[in-house]
Amino acid sequence: MTTVKIEVPEEVFALAGMTEGSNSGRAARLLALELFREGRVSLGRAAELAGISVEEFMEFSAHRRVPLHYTAEDLAQDRATAARLEL
């Protein structure tokens, strides 16, 4: 993967409530969150771009009041899978 270096004022991270972690990691999480919020990437892809697990990304997005885009179709698919697996 190609990387890009940018300068981000520390104040941006402070305002976002992100005081821990590397600057690169914090910036990646914020950018991945925005891509997810806009519907440009899936939950799994956003977590991958952020460099964290799906569960961690779900918590991160919930903290920032970003909905998970879980649709009625997603629920139907999950129910079908659960039935198929006899869960």
PDB file of N, CA and C in Angstrom:
ATOM      1  N   MET A   1       0.847  -1.173   0.000  1.00  0.00           N
ATOM      2  CA  MET A   1       0.000   0.000   0.000  1.00  0.00           C
ATOM      3  C   MET A   1       0.892   1.235   0.000  1.00  0.00           C
ATOM      4  N   THR A   2       0.567   2.182  -0.826  1.00  0.00           N
ATOM      5  CA  THR A   2       1.281   3.446  -0.878  1.00  0.00           C
ATOM      6  C   THR A   2       0.811   4.332   0.266  1.00  0.00           C
ATOM      7  N   THR A   3       1.706   5.063   0.854  1.00  0.00           N
ATOM      8  CA  THR A   3       1.335   5.982   1.927  1.00  0.00           C
ATOM      9  C   THR A   3       1.577   7.418   1.491  1.00  0.00           C
ATOM     10  N   VAL A   4       0.856   8.313   2.146  1.00  0.00           N
ATOM     11  CA  VAL A   4       0.969   9.745   1.890  1.00  0.00           C
ATOM     12  C   VAL A   4       1.273  10.416   3.215  1.00  0.00           C
ATOM     13  N   LYS A   5       2.205  11.338   3.199  1.00  0.00           N
ATOM     14  CA  LYS A   5       2.533  12.072   4.420  1.00  0.00           C
ATOM     15  C   LYS A   5       1.880  13.442   4.361  1.00  0.00           C
ATOM     16  N   ILE A   6       1.190  13.791   5.458  1.00  0.00           N
ATOM     17  CA  ILE A   6       0.552  15.102   5.562  1.00  0.00           C
ATOM     18  C   ILE A   6       0.849  15.682   6.934  1.00  0.00           C
ATOM     19  N   GLU A   7       0.702  16.970   7.034  1.00  0.00           N
ATOM     20  CA  GLU A   7       0.867  17.620   8.328  1.00  0.00           C
ATOM     21  C   GLU A   7      -0.516  17.952   8.865  1.00  0.00           C
ATOM     22  N   VAL A   8      -0.768  17.493  10.083  1.00  0.00           N
ATOM     23  CA  VAL A   8      -2.038  17.737  10.751  1.00  0.00           C
ATOM     24  C   VAL A   8      -1.728  18.406  12.084  1.00  0.00           C
ATOM     25  N   PRO A   9      -2.304  19.562  12.335  1.00  0.00           N
ATOM     26  CA  PRO A   9      -2.054  20.210  13.624  1.00  0.00           C
ATOM     27  C   PRO A   9      -2.522  19.315  14.777  1.00  0.00           C
ATOM     28  N   GLU A  10      -1.736  19.233  15.816  1.00  0.00           N
ATOM     29  CA  GLU A  10      -2.080  18.433  16.991  1.00  0.00           C
ATOM     30  C   GLU A  10      -3.453  18.822  17.533  1.00  0.00           C
ATOM     31  N   GLU A  11      -3.821  20.064  17.369  1.00  0.00           N
ATOM     32  CA  GLU A  11      -5.119  20.550  17.858  1.00  0.00           C
ATOM     33  C   GLU A  11      -6.284  19.775  17.240  1.00  0.00           C
ATOM     34  N   VAL A  12      -6.132  19.323  15.994  1.00  0.00           N
ATOM     35  CA  VAL A  12      -7.192  18.545  15.341  1.00  0.00           C
ATOM     36  C   VAL A  12      -7.480  17.284  16.146  1.00  0.00           C
ATOM     37  N   PHE A  13      -6.419  16.590  16.551  1.00  0.00           N
ATOM     38  CA  PHE A  13      -6.603  15.375  17.332  1.00  0.00           C
ATOM     39  C   PHE A  13      -7.168  15.682  18.712  1.00  0.00           C
ATOM     40  N   ALA A  14      -6.726  16.763  19.305  1.00  0.00           N
ATOM     41  CA  ALA A  14      -7.244  17.152  20.616  1.00  0.00           C
ATOM     42  C   ALA A  14      -8.734  17.460  20.523  1.00  0.00           C
ATOM     43  N   LEU A  15      -9.128  18.202  19.503  1.00  0.00           N
ATOM     44  CA  LEU A  15     -10.546  18.533  19.326  1.00  0.00           C
ATOM     45  C   LEU A  15     -11.397  17.292  19.051  1.00  0.00           C
ATOM     46  N   ALA A  16     -10.781  16.287  18.414  1.00  0.00           N
ATOM     47  CA  ALA A  16     -11.482  15.037  18.132  1.00  0.00           C
ATOM     48  C   ALA A  16     -11.472  14.103  19.343  1.00  0.00           C
ATOM     49  N   GLY A  17     -10.816  14.525  20.426  1.00  0.00           N
ATOM     50  CA  GLY A  17     -10.752  13.699  21.628  1.00  0.00           C
ATOM     51  C   GLY A  17      -9.828  12.514  21.478  1.00  0.00           C
ATOM     52  N   MET A  18      -8.855  12.638  20.604  1.00  0.00           N
ATOM     53  CA  MET A  18      -7.933  11.537  20.328  1.00  0.00           C
ATOM     54  C   MET A  18      -6.541  11.934  20.817  1.00  0.00           C
ATOM     55  N   THR A  19      -6.250  11.627  22.058  1.00  0.00           N
ATOM     56  CA  THR A  19      -4.986  12.035  22.652  1.00  0.00           C
ATOM     57  C   THR A  19      -3.948  10.924  22.656  1.00  0.00           C
ATOM     58  N   GLU A  20      -4.363   9.684  22.363  1.00  0.00           N
ATOM     59  CA  GLU A  20      -3.433   8.555  22.409  1.00  0.00           C
ATOM     60  C   GLU A  20      -3.221   7.968  21.030  1.00  0.00           C
ATOM     61  N   GLY A  21      -2.062   7.388  20.822  1.00  0.00           N
ATOM     62  CA  GLY A  21      -1.737   6.722  19.569  1.00  0.00           C
ATOM     63  C   GLY A  21      -0.843   7.576  18.699  1.00  0.00           C
ATOM     64  N   SER A  22      -0.348   6.956  17.639  1.00  0.00           N
ATOM     65  CA  SER A  22       0.520   7.673  16.717  1.00  0.00           C
ATOM     66  C   SER A  22      -0.305   8.652  15.895  1.00  0.00           C
ATOM     67  N   ASN A  23       0.335   9.698  15.429  1.00  0.00           N
ATOM     68  CA  ASN A  23      -0.364  10.670  14.583  1.00  0.00           C
ATOM     69  C   ASN A  23      -0.924  10.005  13.336  1.00  0.00           C
ATOM     70  N   SER A  24      -0.152   9.128  12.746  1.00  0.00           N
ATOM     71  CA  SER A  24      -0.577   8.433  11.535  1.00  0.00           C
ATOM     72  C   SER A  24      -1.812   7.583  11.820  1.00  0.00           C
ATOM     73  N   GLY A  25      -1.798   6.860  12.919  1.00  0.00           N
ATOM     74  CA  GLY A  25      -2.933   6.010  13.281  1.00  0.00           C
ATOM     75  C   GLY A  25      -4.184   6.816  13.578  1.00  0.00           C
ATOM     76  N   ARG A  26      -4.004   7.923  14.273  1.00  0.00           N
ATOM     77  CA  ARG A  26      -5.160   8.763  14.607  1.00  0.00           C
ATOM     78  C   ARG A  26      -5.760   9.364  13.345  1.00  0.00           C
ATOM     79  N   ALA A  27      -4.911   9.830  12.437  1.00  0.00           N
ATOM     80  CA  ALA A  27      -5.398  10.407  11.179  1.00  0.00           C
ATOM     81  C   ALA A  27      -6.105   9.341  10.342  1.00  0.00           C
ATOM     82  N   ALA A  28      -5.548   8.139  10.300  1.00  0.00           N
ATOM     83  CA  ALA A  28      -6.160   7.051   9.533  1.00  0.00           C
ATOM     84  C   ALA A  28      -7.547   6.721  10.078  1.00  0.00           C
ATOM     85  N   ARG A  29      -7.704   6.691  11.394  1.00  0.00           N
ATOM     86  CA  ARG A  29      -9.016   6.399  11.990  1.00  0.00           C
ATOM     87  C   ARG A  29     -10.030   7.473  11.631  1.00  0.00           C
ATOM     88  N   LEU A  30      -9.625   8.727  11.707  1.00  0.00           N
ATOM     89  CA  LEU A  30     -10.559   9.815  11.372  1.00  0.00           C
ATOM     90  C   LEU A  30     -10.965   9.786   9.899  1.00  0.00           C
ATOM     91  N   LEU A  31      -9.995   9.530   9.029  1.00  0.00           N
ATOM     92  CA  LEU A  31     -10.301   9.462   7.602  1.00  0.00           C
ATOM     93  C   LEU A  31     -11.176   8.256   7.281  1.00  0.00           C
ATOM     94  N   ALA A  32     -10.874   7.117   7.871  1.00  0.00           N
ATOM     95  CA  ALA A  32     -11.685   5.918   7.648  1.00  0.00           C
ATOM     96  C   ALA A  32     -13.101   6.133   8.159  1.00  0.00           C
ATOM     97  N   LEU A  33     -13.240   6.807   9.290  1.00  0.00           N
ATOM     98  CA  LEU A  33     -14.564   7.091   9.833  1.00  0.00           C
ATOM     99  C   LEU A  33     -15.373   7.949   8.864  1.00  0.00           C
ATOM    100  N   GLU A  34     -14.752   8.948   8.294  1.00  0.00           N
ATOM    101  CA  GLU A  34     -15.466   9.813   7.352  1.00  0.00           C
ATOM    102  C   GLU A  34     -15.848   9.050   6.085  1.00  0.00           C
ATOM    103  N   LEU A  35     -14.971   8.214   5.597  1.00  0.00           N
ATOM    104  CA  LEU A  35     -15.304   7.397   4.422  1.00  0.00           C
ATOM    105  C   LEU A  35     -16.480   6.472   4.730  1.00  0.00           C
ATOM    106  N   PHE A  36     -16.488   5.897   5.928  1.00  0.00           N
ATOM    107  CA  PHE A  36     -17.583   5.034   6.341  1.00  0.00           C
ATOM    108  C   PHE A  36     -18.871   5.841   6.493  1.00  0.00           C
ATOM    109  N   ARG A  37     -18.787   6.996   7.119  1.00  0.00           N
ATOM    110  CA  ARG A  37     -19.957   7.852   7.326  1.00  0.00           C
ATOM    111  C   ARG A  37     -20.600   8.211   5.983  1.00  0.00           C
ATOM    112  N   GLU A  38     -19.772   8.471   4.981  1.00  0.00           N
ATOM    113  CA  GLU A  38     -20.265   8.837   3.653  1.00  0.00           C
ATOM    114  C   GLU A  38     -20.749   7.630   2.854  1.00  0.00           C
ATOM    115  N   GLY A  39     -20.552   6.426   3.377  1.00  0.00           N
ATOM    116  CA  GLY A  39     -20.977   5.228   2.674  1.00  0.00           C
ATOM    117  C   GLY A  39     -20.045   4.815   1.545  1.00  0.00           C
ATOM    118  N   ARG A  40     -18.831   5.325   1.561  1.00  0.00           N
ATOM    119  CA  ARG A  40     -17.862   5.015   0.500  1.00  0.00           C
ATOM    120  C   ARG A  40     -17.141   3.695   0.738  1.00  0.00           C
ATOM    121  N   VAL A  41     -17.084   3.260   2.002  1.00  0.00           N
ATOM    122  CA  VAL A  41     -16.463   1.978   2.337  1.00  0.00           C
ATOM    123  C   VAL A  41     -17.347   1.244   3.333  1.00  0.00           C
ATOM    124  N   SER A  42     -17.201  -0.062   3.357  1.00  0.00           N
ATOM    125  CA  SER A  42     -17.949  -0.890   4.302  1.00  0.00           C
ATOM    126  C   SER A  42     -17.344  -0.781   5.695  1.00  0.00           C
ATOM    127  N   LEU A  43     -18.046  -1.327   6.643  1.00  0.00           N
ATOM    128  CA  LEU A  43     -17.557  -1.353   8.021  1.00  0.00           C
ATOM    129  C   LEU A  43     -16.222  -2.085   8.093  1.00  0.00           C
ATOM    130  N   GLY A  44     -16.154  -3.255   7.472  1.00  0.00           N
ATOM    131  CA  GLY A  44     -14.919  -4.034   7.497  1.00  0.00           C
ATOM    132  C   GLY A  44     -13.759  -3.317   6.835  1.00  0.00           C
ATOM    133  N   ARG A  45     -14.032  -2.687   5.706  1.00  0.00           N
ATOM    134  CA  ARG A  45     -12.968  -1.962   4.989  1.00  0.00           C
ATOM    135  C   ARG A  45     -12.515  -0.751   5.804  1.00  0.00           C
ATOM    136  N   ALA A  46     -13.453  -0.058   6.429  1.00  0.00           N
ATOM    137  CA  ALA A  46     -13.103   1.096   7.256  1.00  0.00           C
ATOM    138  C   ALA A  46     -12.198   0.672   8.408  1.00  0.00           C
ATOM    139  N   ALA A  47     -12.533  -0.438   9.045  1.00  0.00           N
ATOM    140  CA  ALA A  47     -11.703  -0.943  10.140  1.00  0.00           C
ATOM    141  C   ALA A  47     -10.308  -1.284   9.636  1.00  0.00           C
ATOM    142  N   GLU A  48     -10.261  -1.908   8.461  1.00  0.00           N
ATOM    143  CA  GLU A  48      -8.972  -2.257   7.870  1.00  0.00           C
ATOM    144  C   GLU A  48      -8.143  -1.004   7.588  1.00  0.00           C
ATOM    145  N   LEU A  49      -8.765   0.012   7.008  1.00  0.00           N
ATOM    146  CA  LEU A  49      -8.053   1.260   6.719  1.00  0.00           C
ATOM    147  C   LEU A  49      -7.588   1.955   7.996  1.00  0.00           C
ATOM    148  N   ALA A  50      -8.384   1.825   9.053  1.00  0.00           N
ATOM    149  CA  ALA A  50      -8.043   2.444  10.330  1.00  0.00           C
ATOM    150  C   ALA A  50      -6.981   1.650  11.088  1.00  0.00           C
ATOM    151  N   GLY A  51      -6.753   0.416  10.654  1.00  0.00           N
ATOM    152  CA  GLY A  51      -5.752  -0.414  11.314  1.00  0.00           C
ATOM    153  C   GLY A  51      -6.212  -0.985  12.642  1.00  0.00           C
ATOM    154  N   ILE A  52      -7.531  -1.169  12.790  1.00  0.00           N
ATOM    155  CA  ILE A  52      -8.082  -1.711  14.029  1.00  0.00           C
ATOM    156  C   ILE A  52      -9.106  -2.791  13.691  1.00  0.00           C
ATOM    157  N   SER A  53      -9.540  -3.548  14.694  1.00  0.00           N
ATOM    158  CA  SER A  53     -10.527  -4.600  14.461  1.00  0.00           C
ATOM    159  C   SER A  53     -11.897  -3.988  14.167  1.00  0.00           C
ATOM    160  N   VAL A  54     -12.772  -4.797  13.594  1.00  0.00           N
ATOM    161  CA  VAL A  54     -14.134  -4.334  13.312  1.00  0.00           C
ATOM    162  C   VAL A  54     -14.812  -3.903  14.613  1.00  0.00           C
ATOM    163  N   GLU A  55     -14.621  -4.684  15.667  1.00  0.00           N
ATOM    164  CA  GLU A  55     -15.234  -4.356  16.956  1.00  0.00           C
ATOM    165  C   GLU A  55     -14.739  -3.011  17.477  1.00  0.00           C
ATOM    166  N   GLU A  56     -13.432  -2.784  17.360  1.00  0.00           N
ATOM    167  CA  GLU A  56     -12.870  -1.507  17.802  1.00  0.00           C
ATOM    168  C   GLU A  56     -13.408  -0.354  16.959  1.00  0.00           C
ATOM    169  N   PHE A  57     -13.554  -0.593  15.654  1.00  0.00           N
ATOM    170  CA  PHE A  57     -14.073   0.461  14.782  1.00  0.00           C
ATOM    171  C   PHE A  57     -15.538   0.740  15.104  1.00  0.00           C
ATOM    172  N   MET A  58     -16.300  -0.291  15.423  1.00  0.00           N
ATOM    173  CA  MET A  58     -17.700  -0.090  15.803  1.00  0.00           C
ATOM    174  C   MET A  58     -17.788   0.787  17.054  1.00  0.00           C
ATOM    175  N   GLU A  59     -16.930   0.506  18.025  1.00  0.00           N
ATOM    176  CA  GLU A  59     -16.907   1.316  19.249  1.00  0.00           C
ATOM    177  C   GLU A  59     -16.473   2.748  18.944  1.00  0.00           C
ATOM    178  N   PHE A  60     -15.450   2.885  18.107  1.00  0.00           N
ATOM    179  CA  PHE A  60     -14.948   4.199  17.704  1.00  0.00           C
ATOM    180  C   PHE A  60     -16.060   5.001  17.024  1.00  0.00           C
ATOM    181  N   SER A  61     -16.779   4.372  16.098  1.00  0.00           N
ATOM    182  CA  SER A  61     -17.836   5.083  15.385  1.00  0.00           C
ATOM    183  C   SER A  61     -19.020   5.382  16.308  1.00  0.00           C
ATOM    184  N   ALA A  62     -19.328   4.479  17.212  1.00  0.00           N
ATOM    185  CA  ALA A  62     -20.432   4.720  18.151  1.00  0.00           C
ATOM    186  C   ALA A  62     -20.116   5.906  19.055  1.00  0.00           C
ATOM    187  N   HIS A  63     -18.865   6.002  19.473  1.00  0.00           N
ATOM    188  CA  HIS A  63     -18.440   7.126  20.313  1.00  0.00           C
ATOM    189  C   HIS A  63     -18.651   8.459  19.604  1.00  0.00           C
ATOM    190  N   ARG A  64     -18.580   8.415  18.291  1.00  0.00           N
ATOM    191  CA  ARG A  64     -18.727   9.632  17.488  1.00  0.00           C
ATOM    192  C   ARG A  64     -20.097   9.728  16.839  1.00  0.00           C
ATOM    193  N   ARG A  65     -21.020   8.883  17.312  1.00  0.00           N
ATOM    194  CA  ARG A  65     -22.424   8.879  16.879  1.00  0.00           C
ATOM    195  C   ARG A  65     -22.595   8.692  15.368  1.00  0.00           C
ATOM    196  N   VAL A  66     -21.793   7.795  14.812  1.00  0.00           N
ATOM    197  CA  VAL A  66     -21.900   7.455  13.403  1.00  0.00           C
ATOM    198  C   VAL A  66     -22.670   6.134  13.311  1.00  0.00           C
ATOM    199  N   PRO A  67     -23.826   6.129  12.655  1.00  0.00           N
ATOM    200  CA  PRO A  67     -24.611   4.893  12.559  1.00  0.00           C
ATOM    201  C   PRO A  67     -23.893   3.830  11.734  1.00  0.00           C
ATOM    202  N   LEU A  68     -24.232   2.576  11.982  1.00  0.00           N
ATOM    203  CA  LEU A  68     -23.563   1.468  11.320  1.00  0.00           C
ATOM    204  C   LEU A  68     -24.136   1.130   9.943  1.00  0.00           C
ATOM    205  N   HIS A  69     -25.157   1.807   9.476  1.00  0.00           N
ATOM    206  CA  HIS A  69     -25.756   1.535   8.162  1.00  0.00           C
ATOM    207  C   HIS A  69     -26.265   0.100   8.081  1.00  0.00           C
ATOM    208  N   TYR A  70     -26.862  -0.383   9.137  1.00  0.00           N
ATOM    209  CA  TYR A  70     -27.391  -1.742   9.174  1.00  0.00           C
ATOM    210  C   TYR A  70     -28.817  -1.692   8.676  1.00  0.00           C
ATOM    211  N   THR A  71     -29.057  -2.270   7.516  1.00  0.00           N
ATOM    212  CA  THR A  71     -30.363  -2.159   6.861  1.00  0.00           C
ATOM    213  C   THR A  71     -31.250  -3.368   7.153  1.00  0.00           C
ATOM    214  N   ALA A  72     -32.504  -3.257   6.752  1.00  0.00           N
ATOM    215  CA  ALA A  72     -33.440  -4.377   6.879  1.00  0.00           C
ATOM    216  C   ALA A  72     -32.948  -5.567   6.062  1.00  0.00           C
ATOM    217  N   GLU A  73     -32.327  -5.293   4.928  1.00  0.00           N
ATOM    218  CA  GLU A  73     -31.765  -6.373   4.099  1.00  0.00           C
ATOM    219  C   GLU A  73     -30.630  -7.075   4.833  1.00  0.00           C
ATOM    220  N   ASP A  74     -29.784  -6.300   5.529  1.00  0.00           N
ATOM    221  CA  ASP A  74     -28.704  -6.895   6.321  1.00  0.00           C
ATOM    222  C   ASP A  74     -29.281  -7.809   7.397  1.00  0.00           C
ATOM    223  N   LEU A  75     -30.349  -7.365   8.054  1.00  0.00           N
ATOM    224  CA  LEU A  75     -30.990  -8.163   9.090  1.00  0.00           C
ATOM    225  C   LEU A  75     -31.540  -9.458   8.512  1.00  0.00           C
ATOM    226  N   ALA A  76     -32.186  -9.370   7.358  1.00  0.00           N
ATOM    227  CA  ALA A  76     -32.735 -10.562   6.715  1.00  0.00           C
ATOM    228  C   ALA A  76     -31.624 -11.551   6.373  1.00  0.00           C
ATOM    229  N   GLN A  77     -30.512 -11.041   5.871  1.00  0.00           N
ATOM    230  CA  GLN A  77     -29.380 -11.916   5.546  1.00  0.00           C
ATOM    231  C   GLN A  77     -28.810 -12.557   6.800  1.00  0.00           C
ATOM    232  N   ASP A  78     -28.699 -11.790   7.874  1.00  0.00           N
ATOM    233  CA  ASP A  78     -28.183 -12.333   9.131  1.00  0.00           C
ATOM    234  C   ASP A  78     -29.112 -13.399   9.690  1.00  0.00           C
ATOM    235  N   ARG A  79     -30.412 -13.167   9.597  1.00  0.00           N
ATOM    236  CA  ARG A  79     -31.384 -14.171  10.070  1.00  0.00           C
ATOM    237  C   ARG A  79     -31.304 -15.442   9.239  1.00  0.00           C
ATOM    238  N   ALA A  80     -31.162 -15.304   7.939  1.00  0.00           N
ATOM    239  CA  ALA A  80     -31.046 -16.468   7.063  1.00  0.00           C
ATOM    240  C   ALA A  80     -29.783 -17.267   7.389  1.00  0.00           C
ATOM    241  N   THR A  81     -28.692 -16.551   7.629  1.00  0.00           N
ATOM    242  CA  THR A  81     -27.439 -17.219   7.977  1.00  0.00           C
ATOM    243  C   THR A  81     -27.572 -17.943   9.308  1.00  0.00           C
ATOM    244  N   ALA A  82     -28.180 -17.281  10.293  1.00  0.00           N
ATOM    245  CA  ALA A  82     -28.368 -17.900  11.606  1.00  0.00           C
ATOM    246  C   ALA A  82     -29.248 -19.146  11.496  1.00  0.00           C
ATOM    247  N   ALA A  83     -30.299 -19.070  10.681  1.00  0.00           N
ATOM    248  CA  ALA A  83     -31.178 -20.227  10.500  1.00  0.00           C
ATOM    249  C   ALA A  83     -30.427 -21.364   9.823  1.00  0.00           C
ATOM    250  N   ARG A  84     -29.642 -21.030   8.804  1.00  0.00           N
ATOM    251  CA  ARG A  84     -28.865 -22.032   8.082  1.00  0.00           C
ATOM    252  C   ARG A  84     -27.865 -22.723   9.014  1.00  0.00           C
ATOM    253  N   LEU A  85     -27.290 -21.964   9.926  1.00  0.00           N
ATOM    254  CA  LEU A  85     -26.316 -22.494  10.869  1.00  0.00           C
ATOM    255  C   LEU A  85     -26.971 -23.062  12.122  1.00  0.00           C
ATOM    256  N   GLU A  86     -28.297 -22.962  12.151  1.00  0.00           N
ATOM    257  CA  GLU A  86     -29.092 -23.449  13.295  1.00  0.00           C
ATOM    258  C   GLU A  86     -28.671 -22.802  14.604  1.00  0.00           C
ATOM    259  N   LEU A  87     -28.518 -21.489  14.565  1.00  0.00           N
ATOM    260  CA  LEU A  87     -28.123 -20.733  15.779  1.00  0.00           C
ATOM    261  C   LEU A  87     -29.344 -20.206  16.482  1.00  0.00           C
TER     262      LEU A  87
END
